[in-house]
Amino acid sequence: MSEDFAAQNDIGARAQPEGPGWLISSLFALGLKPWHIGVLCLIANCMCMAAFLVIQAPVLAKYPANISVMVFSYFFGAALTVSKALLTMNESTDWSLTHPEIFAVLYAAMLHLLLTTDC
């Protein structure tokens, strides 16, 4: 009788949905290393960016205000990123930046300002 109960619990446990890390776990099970997964993510990012540019071309042809279209696309991207971060980050320490991270943000902002201003 207890063997049937154990088998039933084992079947019930396997029927549960897997957590969000199932994809990474599956890739690790295939023998991929974190470096390989990073390369796959980089390739996927390049493909998605290329698709975004292809989709954006007709929009920019229809609406002559190129800057406005870009502002809206970056605004909605930032809004989605911030909303995801608010839902997933639990502790206030997750929002604090270390000194190198602050330096990286300031460096990126200054570089962006230098490259986008008309000289």
PDB file of N, CA and C in Angstrom:
ATOM      1  N   MET A   1       0.822  -1.189   0.000  1.00  0.00           N
ATOM      2  CA  MET A   1       0.000   0.000   0.000  1.00  0.00           C
ATOM      3  C   MET A   1       0.870   1.259   0.000  1.00  0.00           C
ATOM      4  N   SER A   2       1.911   1.285   0.816  1.00  0.00           N
ATOM      5  CA  SER A   2       2.763   2.461   0.864  1.00  0.00           C
ATOM      6  C   SER A   2       3.554   2.629  -0.431  1.00  0.00           C
ATOM      7  N   GLU A   3       3.832   1.510  -1.135  1.00  0.00           N
ATOM      8  CA  GLU A   3       4.532   1.602  -2.414  1.00  0.00           C
ATOM      9  C   GLU A   3       3.678   2.304  -3.456  1.00  0.00           C
ATOM     10  N   ASP A   4       2.362   2.032  -3.463  1.00  0.00           N
ATOM     11  CA  ASP A   4       1.454   2.700  -4.388  1.00  0.00           C
ATOM     12  C   ASP A   4       1.384   4.195  -4.098  1.00  0.00           C
ATOM     13  N   PHE A   5       1.365   4.535  -2.802  1.00  0.00           N
ATOM     14  CA  PHE A   5       1.310   5.938  -2.414  1.00  0.00           C
ATOM     15  C   PHE A   5       2.582   6.664  -2.841  1.00  0.00           C
ATOM     16  N   ALA A   6       3.733   6.023  -2.681  1.00  0.00           N
ATOM     17  CA  ALA A   6       5.007   6.632  -3.079  1.00  0.00           C
ATOM     18  C   ALA A   6       5.058   6.818  -4.587  1.00  0.00           C
ATOM     19  N   ALA A   7       4.582   5.822  -5.338  1.00  0.00           N
ATOM     20  CA  ALA A   7       4.568   5.944  -6.795  1.00  0.00           C
ATOM     21  C   ALA A   7       3.629   7.061  -7.238  1.00  0.00           C
ATOM     22  N   GLN A   8       2.496   7.182  -6.566  1.00  0.00           N
ATOM     23  CA  GLN A   8       1.536   8.243  -6.918  1.00  0.00           C
ATOM     24  C   GLN A   8       2.126   9.616  -6.626  1.00  0.00           C
ATOM     25  N   ASN A   9       2.825   9.772  -5.515  1.00  0.00           N
ATOM     26  CA  ASN A   9       3.470  11.048  -5.194  1.00  0.00           C
ATOM     27  C   ASN A   9       4.563  11.367  -6.191  1.00  0.00           C
ATOM     28  N   ASP A  10       5.304  10.353  -6.637  1.00  0.00           N
ATOM     29  CA  ASP A  10       6.358  10.570  -7.609  1.00  0.00           C
ATOM     30  C   ASP A  10       5.775  11.059  -8.933  1.00  0.00           C
ATOM     31  N   ILE A  11       4.683  10.474  -9.371  1.00  0.00           N
ATOM     32  CA  ILE A  11       4.023  10.907 -10.602  1.00  0.00           C
ATOM     33  C   ILE A  11       3.489  12.329 -10.445  1.00  0.00           C
ATOM     34  N   GLY A  12       2.897  12.629  -9.297  1.00  0.00           N
ATOM     35  CA  GLY A  12       2.354  13.974  -9.052  1.00  0.00           C
ATOM     36  C   GLY A  12       3.444  15.024  -9.022  1.00  0.00           C
ATOM     37  N   ALA A  13       4.601  14.650  -8.483  1.00  0.00           N
ATOM     38  CA  ALA A  13       5.696  15.614  -8.411  1.00  0.00           C
ATOM     39  C   ALA A  13       6.242  15.918  -9.794  1.00  0.00           C
ATOM     40  N   ARG A  14       6.272  14.929 -10.673  1.00  0.00           N
ATOM     41  CA  ARG A  14       6.782  15.171 -12.020  1.00  0.00           C
ATOM     42  C   ARG A  14       5.803  15.960 -12.869  1.00  0.00           C
ATOM     43  N   ALA A  15       4.543  15.982 -12.515  1.00  0.00           N
ATOM     44  CA  ALA A  15       3.545  16.688 -13.318  1.00  0.00           C
ATOM     45  C   ALA A  15       3.536  18.187 -13.046  1.00  0.00           C
ATOM     46  N   GLN A  16       4.253  18.622 -12.037  1.00  0.00           N
ATOM     47  CA  GLN A  16       4.275  20.039 -11.690  1.00  0.00           C
ATOM     48  C   GLN A  16       5.065  20.816 -12.734  1.00  0.00           C
ATOM     49  N   PRO A  17       4.656  22.048 -13.017  1.00  0.00           N
ATOM     50  CA  PRO A  17       5.418  22.844 -13.991  1.00  0.00           C
ATOM     51  C   PRO A  17       6.797  23.186 -13.450  1.00  0.00           C
ATOM     52  N   GLU A  18       7.738  23.267 -14.370  1.00  0.00           N
ATOM     53  CA  GLU A  18       9.099  23.578 -13.975  1.00  0.00           C
ATOM     54  C   GLU A  18       9.251  25.078 -13.736  1.00  0.00           C
ATOM     55  N   GLY A  19      10.270  25.433 -12.995  1.00  0.00           N
ATOM     56  CA  GLY A  19      10.533  26.824 -12.697  1.00  0.00           C
ATOM     57  C   GLY A  19      11.066  27.570 -13.908  1.00  0.00           C
ATOM     58  N   PRO A  20      11.327  28.868 -13.755  1.00  0.00           N
ATOM     59  CA  PRO A  20      11.781  29.661 -14.898  1.00  0.00           C
ATOM     60  C   PRO A  20      13.170  29.295 -15.399  1.00  0.00           C
ATOM     61  N   GLY A  21      13.936  28.543 -14.634  1.00  0.00           N
ATOM     62  CA  GLY A  21      15.283  28.185 -15.056  1.00  0.00           C
ATOM     63  C   GLY A  21      15.343  26.910 -15.871  1.00  0.00           C
ATOM     64  N   TRP A  22      14.229  26.439 -16.364  1.00  0.00           N
ATOM     65  CA  TRP A  22      14.206  25.173 -17.102  1.00  0.00           C
ATOM     66  C   TRP A  22      15.026  25.243 -18.385  1.00  0.00           C
ATOM     67  N   LEU A  23      15.025  26.389 -19.055  1.00  0.00           N
ATOM     68  CA  LEU A  23      15.763  26.493 -20.311  1.00  0.00           C
ATOM     69  C   LEU A  23      17.264  26.402 -20.060  1.00  0.00           C
ATOM     70  N   ILE A  24      17.745  27.152 -19.083  1.00  0.00           N
ATOM     71  CA  ILE A  24      19.169  27.130 -18.768  1.00  0.00           C
ATOM     72  C   ILE A  24      19.571  25.742 -18.281  1.00  0.00           C
ATOM     73  N   SER A  25      18.729  25.131 -17.437  1.00  0.00           N
ATOM     74  CA  SER A  25      19.030  23.782 -16.950  1.00  0.00           C
ATOM     75  C   SER A  25      19.091  22.788 -18.101  1.00  0.00           C
ATOM     76  N   SER A  26      18.189  22.939 -19.051  1.00  0.00           N
ATOM     77  CA  SER A  26      18.194  22.048 -20.209  1.00  0.00           C
ATOM     78  C   SER A  26      19.452  22.238 -21.045  1.00  0.00           C
ATOM     79  N   LEU A  27      19.886  23.488 -21.200  1.00  0.00           N
ATOM     80  CA  LEU A  27      21.106  23.749 -21.971  1.00  0.00           C
ATOM     81  C   LEU A  27      22.335  23.210 -21.255  1.00  0.00           C
ATOM     82  N   PHE A  28      22.358  23.344 -19.927  1.00  0.00           N
ATOM     83  CA  PHE A  28      23.470  22.771 -19.164  1.00  0.00           C
ATOM     84  C   PHE A  28      23.468  21.252 -19.275  1.00  0.00           C
ATOM     85  N   ALA A  29      22.269  20.641 -19.297  1.00  0.00           N
ATOM     86  CA  ALA A  29      22.167  19.187 -19.413  1.00  0.00           C
ATOM     87  C   ALA A  29      22.697  18.701 -20.764  1.00  0.00           C
ATOM     88  N   LEU A  30      22.610  19.555 -21.780  1.00  0.00           N
ATOM     89  CA  LEU A  30      23.144  19.203 -23.095  1.00  0.00           C
ATOM     90  C   LEU A  30      24.664  19.310 -23.159  1.00  0.00           C
ATOM     91  N   GLY A  31      25.278  19.815 -22.089  1.00  0.00           N
ATOM     92  CA  GLY A  31      26.728  19.925 -22.051  1.00  0.00           C
ATOM     93  C   GLY A  31      27.242  21.314 -22.390  1.00  0.00           C
ATOM     94  N   LEU A  32      26.361  22.279 -22.529  1.00  0.00           N
ATOM     95  CA  LEU A  32      26.807  23.641 -22.829  1.00  0.00           C
ATOM     96  C   LEU A  32      27.345  24.311 -21.574  1.00  0.00           C
ATOM     97  N   LYS A  33      28.323  25.126 -21.764  1.00  0.00           N
ATOM     98  CA  LYS A  33      28.915  25.884 -20.661  1.00  0.00           C
ATOM     99  C   LYS A  33      28.301  27.288 -20.649  1.00  0.00           C
ATOM    100  N   PRO A  34      28.443  28.032 -19.533  1.00  0.00           N
ATOM    101  CA  PRO A  34      27.886  29.395 -19.492  1.00  0.00           C
ATOM    102  C   PRO A  34      28.388  30.274 -20.633  1.00  0.00           C
ATOM    103  N   TRP A  35      29.625  30.085 -21.065  1.00  0.00           N
ATOM    104  CA  TRP A  35      30.174  30.870 -22.165  1.00  0.00           C
ATOM    105  C   TRP A  35      29.382  30.623 -23.440  1.00  0.00           C
ATOM    106  N   HIS A  36      29.036  29.348 -23.698  1.00  0.00           N
ATOM    107  CA  HIS A  36      28.253  29.018 -24.893  1.00  0.00           C
ATOM    108  C   HIS A  36      26.864  29.646 -24.835  1.00  0.00           C
ATOM    109  N   ILE A  37      26.257  29.615 -23.656  1.00  0.00           N
ATOM    110  CA  ILE A  37      24.925  30.204 -23.501  1.00  0.00           C
ATOM    111  C   ILE A  37      24.990  31.713 -23.716  1.00  0.00           C
ATOM    112  N   GLY A  38      26.079  32.340 -23.253  1.00  0.00           N
ATOM    113  CA  GLY A  38      26.264  33.771 -23.485  1.00  0.00           C
ATOM    114  C   GLY A  38      26.379  34.089 -24.968  1.00  0.00           C
ATOM    115  N   VAL A  39      27.093  33.249 -25.703  1.00  0.00           N
ATOM    116  CA  VAL A  39      27.215  33.449 -27.149  1.00  0.00           C
ATOM    117  C   VAL A  39      25.858  33.286 -27.824  1.00  0.00           C
ATOM    118  N   LEU A  40      25.088  32.288 -27.396  1.00  0.00           N
ATOM    119  CA  LEU A  40      23.741  32.111 -27.953  1.00  0.00           C
ATOM    120  C   LEU A  40      22.850  33.321 -27.669  1.00  0.00           C
ATOM    121  N   CYS A  41      22.965  33.861 -26.454  1.00  0.00           N
ATOM    122  CA  CYS A  41      22.190  35.064 -26.119  1.00  0.00           C
ATOM    123  C   CYS A  41      22.633  36.253 -26.971  1.00  0.00           C
ATOM    124  N   LEU A  42      23.918  36.381 -27.208  1.00  0.00           N
ATOM    125  CA  LEU A  42      24.427  37.466 -28.043  1.00  0.00           C
ATOM    126  C   LEU A  42      23.924  37.339 -29.477  1.00  0.00           C
ATOM    127  N   ILE A  43      23.933  36.136 -30.008  1.00  0.00           N
ATOM    128  CA  ILE A  43      23.417  35.913 -31.368  1.00  0.00           C
ATOM    129  C   ILE A  43      21.922  36.217 -31.423  1.00  0.00           C
ATOM    130  N   ALA A  44      21.172  35.778 -30.408  1.00  0.00           N
ATOM    131  CA  ALA A  44      19.732  36.061 -30.364  1.00  0.00           C
ATOM    132  C   ALA A  44      19.481  37.560 -30.271  1.00  0.00           C
ATOM    133  N   ASN A  45      20.315  38.272 -29.505  1.00  0.00           N
ATOM    134  CA  ASN A  45      20.165  39.720 -29.402  1.00  0.00           C
ATOM    135  C   ASN A  45      20.405  40.389 -30.753  1.00  0.00           C
ATOM    136  N   CYS A  46      21.419  39.945 -31.469  1.00  0.00           N
ATOM    137  CA  CYS A  46      21.704  40.513 -32.797  1.00  0.00           C
ATOM    138  C   CYS A  46      20.556  40.249 -33.764  1.00  0.00           C
ATOM    139  N   MET A  47      19.996  39.054 -33.717  1.00  0.00           N
ATOM    140  CA  MET A  47      18.876  38.729 -34.605  1.00  0.00           C
ATOM    141  C   MET A  47      17.641  39.567 -34.267  1.00  0.00           C
ATOM    142  N   CYS A  48      17.370  39.734 -32.983  1.00  0.00           N
ATOM    143  CA  CYS A  48      16.217  40.545 -32.577  1.00  0.00           C
ATOM    144  C   CYS A  48      16.408  42.009 -32.955  1.00  0.00           C
ATOM    145  N   MET A  49      17.626  42.514 -32.809  1.00  0.00           N
ATOM    146  CA  MET A  49      17.886  43.904 -33.188  1.00  0.00           C
ATOM    147  C   MET A  49      17.750  44.084 -34.694  1.00  0.00           C
ATOM    148  N   ALA A  50      18.204  43.116 -35.465  1.00  0.00           N
ATOM    149  CA  ALA A  50      18.049  43.186 -36.918  1.00  0.00           C
ATOM    150  C   ALA A  50      16.576  43.155 -37.307  1.00  0.00           C
ATOM    151  N   ALA A  51      15.805  42.310 -36.645  1.00  0.00           N
ATOM    152  CA  ALA A  51      14.361  42.262 -36.919  1.00  0.00           C
ATOM    153  C   ALA A  51      13.697  43.583 -36.538  1.00  0.00           C
ATOM    154  N   PHE A  52      14.137  44.176 -35.418  1.00  0.00           N
ATOM    155  CA  PHE A  52      13.585  45.463 -35.005  1.00  0.00           C
ATOM    156  C   PHE A  52      13.866  46.537 -36.055  1.00  0.00           C
ATOM    157  N   LEU A  53      15.072  46.560 -36.589  1.00  0.00           N
ATOM    158  CA  LEU A  53      15.414  47.566 -37.600  1.00  0.00           C
ATOM    159  C   LEU A  53      14.630  47.345 -38.893  1.00  0.00           C
ATOM    160  N   VAL A  54      14.424  46.083 -39.263  1.00  0.00           N
ATOM    161  CA  VAL A  54      13.651  45.785 -40.470  1.00  0.00           C
ATOM    162  C   VAL A  54      12.198  46.212 -40.293  1.00  0.00           C
ATOM    163  N   ILE A  55      11.649  45.960 -39.131  1.00  0.00           N
ATOM    164  CA  ILE A  55      10.260  46.361 -38.863  1.00  0.00           C
ATOM    165  C   ILE A  55      10.148  47.874 -38.746  1.00  0.00           C
ATOM    166  N   GLN A  56      11.179  48.510 -38.222  1.00  0.00           N
ATOM    167  CA  GLN A  56      11.144  49.951 -38.003  1.00  0.00           C
ATOM    168  C   GLN A  56      11.271  50.745 -39.307  1.00  0.00           C
ATOM    169  N   ALA A  57      11.880  50.191 -40.333  1.00  0.00           N
ATOM    170  CA  ALA A  57      12.102  50.913 -41.589  1.00  0.00           C
ATOM    171  C   ALA A  57      10.801  51.426 -42.213  1.00  0.00           C
ATOM    172  N   PRO A  58       9.745  50.617 -42.341  1.00  0.00           N
ATOM    173  CA  PRO A  58       8.503  51.158 -42.905  1.00  0.00           C
ATOM    174  C   PRO A  58       7.857  52.222 -42.007  1.00  0.00           C
ATOM    175  N   VAL A  59       8.026  52.073 -40.711  1.00  0.00           N
ATOM    176  CA  VAL A  59       7.467  53.071 -39.789  1.00  0.00           C
ATOM    177  C   VAL A  59       8.171  54.406 -39.987  1.00  0.00           C
ATOM    178  N   LEU A  60       9.496  54.370 -40.106  1.00  0.00           N
ATOM    179  CA  LEU A  60      10.242  55.610 -40.311  1.00  0.00           C
ATOM    180  C   LEU A  60       9.954  56.219 -41.683  1.00  0.00           C
ATOM    181  N   ALA A  61       9.625  55.386 -42.674  1.00  0.00           N
ATOM    182  CA  ALA A  61       9.276  55.917 -43.993  1.00  0.00           C
ATOM    183  C   ALA A  61       7.914  56.601 -43.957  1.00  0.00           C
ATOM    184  N   LYS A  62       7.012  56.070 -43.125  1.00  0.00           N
ATOM    185  CA  LYS A  62       5.663  56.642 -43.044  1.00  0.00           C
ATOM    186  C   LYS A  62       5.629  57.901 -42.188  1.00  0.00           C
ATOM    187  N   TYR A  63       6.371  57.890 -41.068  1.00  0.00           N
ATOM    188  CA  TYR A  63       6.399  59.035 -40.155  1.00  0.00           C
ATOM    189  C   TYR A  63       7.743  59.736 -40.292  1.00  0.00           C
ATOM    190  N   PRO A  64       7.755  60.963 -40.782  1.00  0.00           N
ATOM    191  CA  PRO A  64       9.034  61.635 -41.051  1.00  0.00           C
ATOM    192  C   PRO A  64       9.795  62.074 -39.796  1.00  0.00           C
ATOM    193  N   ALA A  65       9.146  62.080 -38.631  1.00  0.00           N
ATOM    194  CA  ALA A  65       9.816  62.517 -37.401  1.00  0.00           C
ATOM    195  C   ALA A  65      10.599  61.336 -36.819  1.00  0.00           C
ATOM    196  N   ASN A  66      11.800  61.116 -37.332  1.00  0.00           N
ATOM    197  CA  ASN A  66      12.608  59.965 -36.917  1.00  0.00           C
ATOM    198  C   ASN A  66      12.913  59.975 -35.424  1.00  0.00           C
ATOM    199  N   ILE A  67      13.224  61.152 -34.904  1.00  0.00           N
ATOM    200  CA  ILE A  67      13.583  61.252 -33.492  1.00  0.00           C
ATOM    201  C   ILE A  67      12.400  60.871 -32.606  1.00  0.00           C
ATOM    202  N   SER A  68      11.201  61.298 -32.968  1.00  0.00           N
ATOM    203  CA  SER A  68      10.023  60.961 -32.169  1.00  0.00           C
ATOM    204  C   SER A  68       9.768  59.465 -32.137  1.00  0.00           C
ATOM    205  N   VAL A  69       9.944  58.800 -33.265  1.00  0.00           N
ATOM    206  CA  VAL A  69       9.754  57.348 -33.310  1.00  0.00           C
ATOM    207  C   VAL A  69      10.781  56.669 -32.410  1.00  0.00           C
ATOM    208  N   MET A  70      12.016  57.124 -32.456  1.00  0.00           N
ATOM    209  CA  MET A  70      13.048  56.526 -31.613  1.00  0.00           C
ATOM    210  C   MET A  70      12.780  56.785 -30.133  1.00  0.00           C
ATOM    211  N   VAL A  71      12.318  57.992 -29.810  1.00  0.00           N
ATOM    212  CA  VAL A  71      12.012  58.314 -28.413  1.00  0.00           C
ATOM    213  C   VAL A  71      10.908  57.400 -27.898  1.00  0.00           C
ATOM    214  N   PHE A  72       9.866  57.192 -28.694  1.00  0.00           N
ATOM    215  CA  PHE A  72       8.787  56.315 -28.262  1.00  0.00           C
ATOM    216  C   PHE A  72       9.269  54.878 -28.097  1.00  0.00           C
ATOM    217  N   SER A  73      10.097  54.400 -29.009  1.00  0.00           N
ATOM    218  CA  SER A  73      10.564  53.016 -28.891  1.00  0.00           C
ATOM    219  C   SER A  73      11.452  52.838 -27.663  1.00  0.00           C
ATOM    220  N   TYR A  74      12.334  53.791 -27.397  1.00  0.00           N
ATOM    221  CA  TYR A  74      13.176  53.689 -26.205  1.00  0.00           C
ATOM    222  C   TYR A  74      12.363  53.878 -24.932  1.00  0.00           C
ATOM    223  N   PHE A  75      11.359  54.763 -24.961  1.00  0.00           N
ATOM    224  CA  PHE A  75      10.524  54.975 -23.783  1.00  0.00           C
ATOM    225  C   PHE A  75       9.778  53.701 -23.402  1.00  0.00           C
ATOM    226  N   PHE A  76       9.158  53.051 -24.384  1.00  0.00           N
ATOM    227  CA  PHE A  76       8.414  51.837 -24.073  1.00  0.00           C
ATOM    228  C   PHE A  76       9.347  50.696 -23.680  1.00  0.00           C
ATOM    229  N   GLY A  77      10.512  50.633 -24.285  1.00  0.00           N
ATOM    230  CA  GLY A  77      11.494  49.634 -23.858  1.00  0.00           C
ATOM    231  C   GLY A  77      11.938  49.861 -22.422  1.00  0.00           C
ATOM    232  N   ALA A  78      12.187  51.110 -22.059  1.00  0.00           N
ATOM    233  CA  ALA A  78      12.586  51.428 -20.685  1.00  0.00           C
ATOM    234  C   ALA A  78      11.447  51.162 -19.713  1.00  0.00           C
ATOM    235  N   ALA A  79      10.215  51.499 -20.100  1.00  0.00           N
ATOM    236  CA  ALA A  79       9.063  51.266 -19.227  1.00  0.00           C
ATOM    237  C   ALA A  79       8.877  49.770 -18.965  1.00  0.00           C
ATOM    238  N   LEU A  80       9.033  48.951 -19.998  1.00  0.00           N
ATOM    239  CA  LEU A  80       8.911  47.504 -19.797  1.00  0.00           C
ATOM    240  C   LEU A  80      10.037  46.970 -18.926  1.00  0.00           C
ATOM    241  N   THR A  81      11.238  47.485 -19.113  1.00  0.00           N
ATOM    242  CA  THR A  81      12.373  47.032 -18.313  1.00  0.00           C
ATOM    243  C   THR A  81      12.197  47.401 -16.846  1.00  0.00           C
ATOM    244  N   VAL A  82      11.776  48.626 -16.586  1.00  0.00           N
ATOM    245  CA  VAL A  82      11.583  49.067 -15.201  1.00  0.00           C
ATOM    246  C   VAL A  82      10.442  48.300 -14.539  1.00  0.00           C
ATOM    247  N   SER A  83       9.354  48.073 -15.270  1.00  0.00           N
ATOM    248  CA  SER A  83       8.238  47.326 -14.672  1.00  0.00           C
ATOM    249  C   SER A  83       8.655  45.889 -14.357  1.00  0.00           C
ATOM    250  N   LYS A  84       9.450  45.277 -15.226  1.00  0.00           N
ATOM    251  CA  LYS A  84       9.950  43.919 -14.956  1.00  0.00           C
ATOM    252  C   LYS A  84      10.864  43.936 -13.742  1.00  0.00           C
ATOM    253  N   ALA A  85      11.711  44.937 -13.646  1.00  0.00           N
ATOM    254  CA  ALA A  85      12.623  45.035 -12.503  1.00  0.00           C
ATOM    255  C   ALA A  85      11.848  45.239 -11.203  1.00  0.00           C
ATOM    256  N   LEU A  86      10.813  46.055 -11.235  1.00  0.00           N
ATOM    257  CA  LEU A  86      10.018  46.280 -10.027  1.00  0.00           C
ATOM    258  C   LEU A  86       9.315  45.004  -9.573  1.00  0.00           C
ATOM    259  N   LEU A  87       8.925  44.177 -10.514  1.00  0.00           N
ATOM    260  CA  LEU A  87       8.233  42.940 -10.159  1.00  0.00           C
ATOM    261  C   LEU A  87       9.181  41.839  -9.689  1.00  0.00           C
ATOM    262  N   THR A  88      10.423  41.872 -10.124  1.00  0.00           N
ATOM    263  CA  THR A  88      11.333  40.775  -9.804  1.00  0.00           C
ATOM    264  C   THR A  88      12.319  41.086  -8.687  1.00  0.00           C
ATOM    265  N   MET A  89      12.641  42.327  -8.443  1.00  0.00           N
ATOM    266  CA  MET A  89      13.607  42.667  -7.400  1.00  0.00           C
ATOM    267  C   MET A  89      12.879  42.832  -6.071  1.00  0.00           C
ATOM    268  N   ASN A  90      13.339  42.092  -5.074  1.00  0.00           N
ATOM    269  CA  ASN A  90      12.645  42.091  -3.790  1.00  0.00           C
ATOM    270  C   ASN A  90      13.298  43.000  -2.757  1.00  0.00           C
ATOM    271  N   GLU A  91      14.598  43.099  -2.781  1.00  0.00           N
ATOM    272  CA  GLU A  91      15.293  43.838  -1.739  1.00  0.00           C
ATOM    273  C   GLU A  91      15.773  45.193  -2.245  1.00  0.00           C
ATOM    274  N   SER A  92      15.858  46.151  -1.333  1.00  0.00           N
ATOM    275  CA  SER A  92      16.313  47.483  -1.732  1.00  0.00           C
ATOM    276  C   SER A  92      17.797  47.473  -2.103  1.00  0.00           C
ATOM    277  N   THR A  93      18.540  46.498  -1.610  1.00  0.00           N
ATOM    278  CA  THR A  93      19.963  46.434  -1.954  1.00  0.00           C
ATOM    279  C   THR A  93      20.173  46.051  -3.419  1.00  0.00           C
ATOM    280  N   ASP A  94      19.162  45.471  -4.045  1.00  0.00           N
ATOM    281  CA  ASP A  94      19.281  45.137  -5.468  1.00  0.00           C
ATOM    282  C   ASP A  94      19.335  46.388  -6.331  1.00  0.00           C
ATOM    283  N   TRP A  95      18.868  47.505  -5.801  1.00  0.00           N
ATOM    284  CA  TRP A  95      18.817  48.743  -6.573  1.00  0.00           C
ATOM    285  C   TRP A  95      20.037  49.628  -6.348  1.00  0.00           C
ATOM    286  N   SER A  96      20.898  49.277  -5.412  1.00  0.00           N
ATOM    287  CA  SER A  96      22.072  50.113  -5.146  1.00  0.00           C
ATOM    288  C   SER A  96      23.200  49.733  -6.101  1.00  0.00           C
ATOM    289  N   LEU A  97      23.927  50.744  -6.554  1.00  0.00           N
ATOM    290  CA  LEU A  97      25.037  50.542  -7.478  1.00  0.00           C
ATOM    291  C   LEU A  97      26.353  50.629  -6.729  1.00  0.00           C
ATOM    292  N   THR A  98      27.313  49.812  -7.153  1.00  0.00           N
ATOM    293  CA  THR A  98      28.652  49.898  -6.583  1.00  0.00           C
ATOM    294  C   THR A  98      29.404  51.036  -7.279  1.00  0.00           C
ATOM    295  N   HIS A  99      30.573  51.372  -6.772  1.00  0.00           N
ATOM    296  CA  HIS A  99      31.351  52.458  -7.370  1.00  0.00           C
ATOM    297  C   HIS A  99      31.715  52.192  -8.834  1.00  0.00           C
ATOM    298  N   PRO A 100      32.169  50.983  -9.193  1.00  0.00           N
ATOM    299  CA  PRO A 100      32.443  50.739 -10.619  1.00  0.00           C
ATOM    300  C   PRO A 100      31.191  50.845 -11.494  1.00  0.00           C
ATOM    301  N   GLU A 101      30.044  50.433 -10.964  1.00  0.00           N
ATOM    302  CA  GLU A 101      28.807  50.526 -11.743  1.00  0.00           C
ATOM    303  C   GLU A 101      28.393  51.979 -11.948  1.00  0.00           C
ATOM    304  N   ILE A 102      28.558  52.803 -10.912  1.00  0.00           N
ATOM    305  CA  ILE A 102      28.255  54.233 -11.043  1.00  0.00           C
ATOM    306  C   ILE A 102      29.184  54.860 -12.074  1.00  0.00           C
ATOM    307  N   PHE A 103      30.460  54.506 -12.017  1.00  0.00           N
ATOM    308  CA  PHE A 103      31.427  55.013 -12.990  1.00  0.00           C
ATOM    309  C   PHE A 103      31.036  54.588 -14.408  1.00  0.00           C
ATOM    310  N   ALA A 104      30.600  53.353 -14.583  1.00  0.00           N
ATOM    311  CA  ALA A 104      30.212  52.870 -15.911  1.00  0.00           C
ATOM    312  C   ALA A 104      29.001  53.626 -16.441  1.00  0.00           C
ATOM    313  N   VAL A 105      28.030  53.900 -15.589  1.00  0.00           N
ATOM    314  CA  VAL A 105      26.840  54.646 -16.011  1.00  0.00           C
ATOM    315  C   VAL A 105      27.219  56.068 -16.399  1.00  0.00           C
ATOM    316  N   LEU A 106      28.035  56.725 -15.581  1.00  0.00           N
ATOM    317  CA  LEU A 106      28.460  58.097 -15.894  1.00  0.00           C
ATOM    318  C   LEU A 106      29.299  58.134 -17.171  1.00  0.00           C
ATOM    319  N   TYR A 107      30.175  57.163 -17.357  1.00  0.00           N
ATOM    320  CA  TYR A 107      30.994  57.097 -18.558  1.00  0.00           C
ATOM    321  C   TYR A 107      30.122  56.920 -19.799  1.00  0.00           C
ATOM    322  N   ALA A 108      29.142  56.024 -19.712  1.00  0.00           N
ATOM    323  CA  ALA A 108      28.242  55.796 -20.851  1.00  0.00           C
ATOM    324  C   ALA A 108      27.419  57.043 -21.157  1.00  0.00           C
ATOM    325  N   ALA A 109      26.961  57.744 -20.119  1.00  0.00           N
ATOM    326  CA  ALA A 109      26.176  58.952 -20.336  1.00  0.00           C
ATOM    327  C   ALA A 109      27.024  60.052 -20.979  1.00  0.00           C
ATOM    328  N   MET A 110      28.255  60.231 -20.494  1.00  0.00           N
ATOM    329  CA  MET A 110      29.122  61.258 -21.077  1.00  0.00           C
ATOM    330  C   MET A 110      29.489  60.919 -22.514  1.00  0.00           C
ATOM    331  N   LEU A 111      29.785  59.652 -22.775  1.00  0.00           N
ATOM    332  CA  LEU A 111      30.116  59.233 -24.127  1.00  0.00           C
ATOM    333  C   LEU A 111      28.916  59.433 -25.068  1.00  0.00           C
ATOM    334  N   HIS A 112      27.739  59.124 -24.576  1.00  0.00           N
ATOM    335  CA  HIS A 112      26.532  59.320 -25.364  1.00  0.00           C
ATOM    336  C   HIS A 112      26.324  60.814 -25.675  1.00  0.00           C
ATOM    337  N   LEU A 113      26.520  61.660 -24.693  1.00  0.00           N
ATOM    338  CA  LEU A 113      26.369  63.104 -24.906  1.00  0.00           C
ATOM    339  C   LEU A 113      27.410  63.623 -25.900  1.00  0.00           C
ATOM    340  N   LEU A 114      28.636  63.141 -25.786  1.00  0.00           N
ATOM    341  CA  LEU A 114      29.681  63.593 -26.699  1.00  0.00           C
ATOM    342  C   LEU A 114      29.419  63.151 -28.139  1.00  0.00           C
ATOM    343  N   LEU A 115      28.906  61.941 -28.301  1.00  0.00           N
ATOM    344  CA  LEU A 115      28.692  61.418 -29.650  1.00  0.00           C
ATOM    345  C   LEU A 115      27.417  61.942 -30.314  1.00  0.00           C
ATOM    346  N   THR A 116      26.455  62.393 -29.517  1.00  0.00           N
ATOM    347  CA  THR A 116      25.192  62.824 -30.112  1.00  0.00           C
ATOM    348  C   THR A 116      25.106  64.336 -30.287  1.00  0.00           C
ATOM    349  N   THR A 117      25.993  65.082 -29.691  1.00  0.00           N
ATOM    350  CA  THR A 117      25.954  66.528 -29.879  1.00  0.00           C
ATOM    351  C   THR A 117      26.633  66.903 -31.182  1.00  0.00           C
ATOM    352  N   ASP A 118      26.122  67.919 -31.805  1.00  0.00           N
ATOM    353  CA  ASP A 118      26.720  68.416 -33.052  1.00  0.00           C
ATOM    354  C   ASP A 118      27.936  69.266 -32.725  1.00  0.00           C
ATOM    355  N   CYS A 119      29.042  68.918 -33.311  1.00  0.00           N
ATOM    356  CA  CYS A 119      30.288  69.656 -33.056  1.00  0.00           C
ATOM    357  C   CYS A 119      30.532  70.671 -34.143  1.00  0.00           C
TER     358      CYS A 119
END
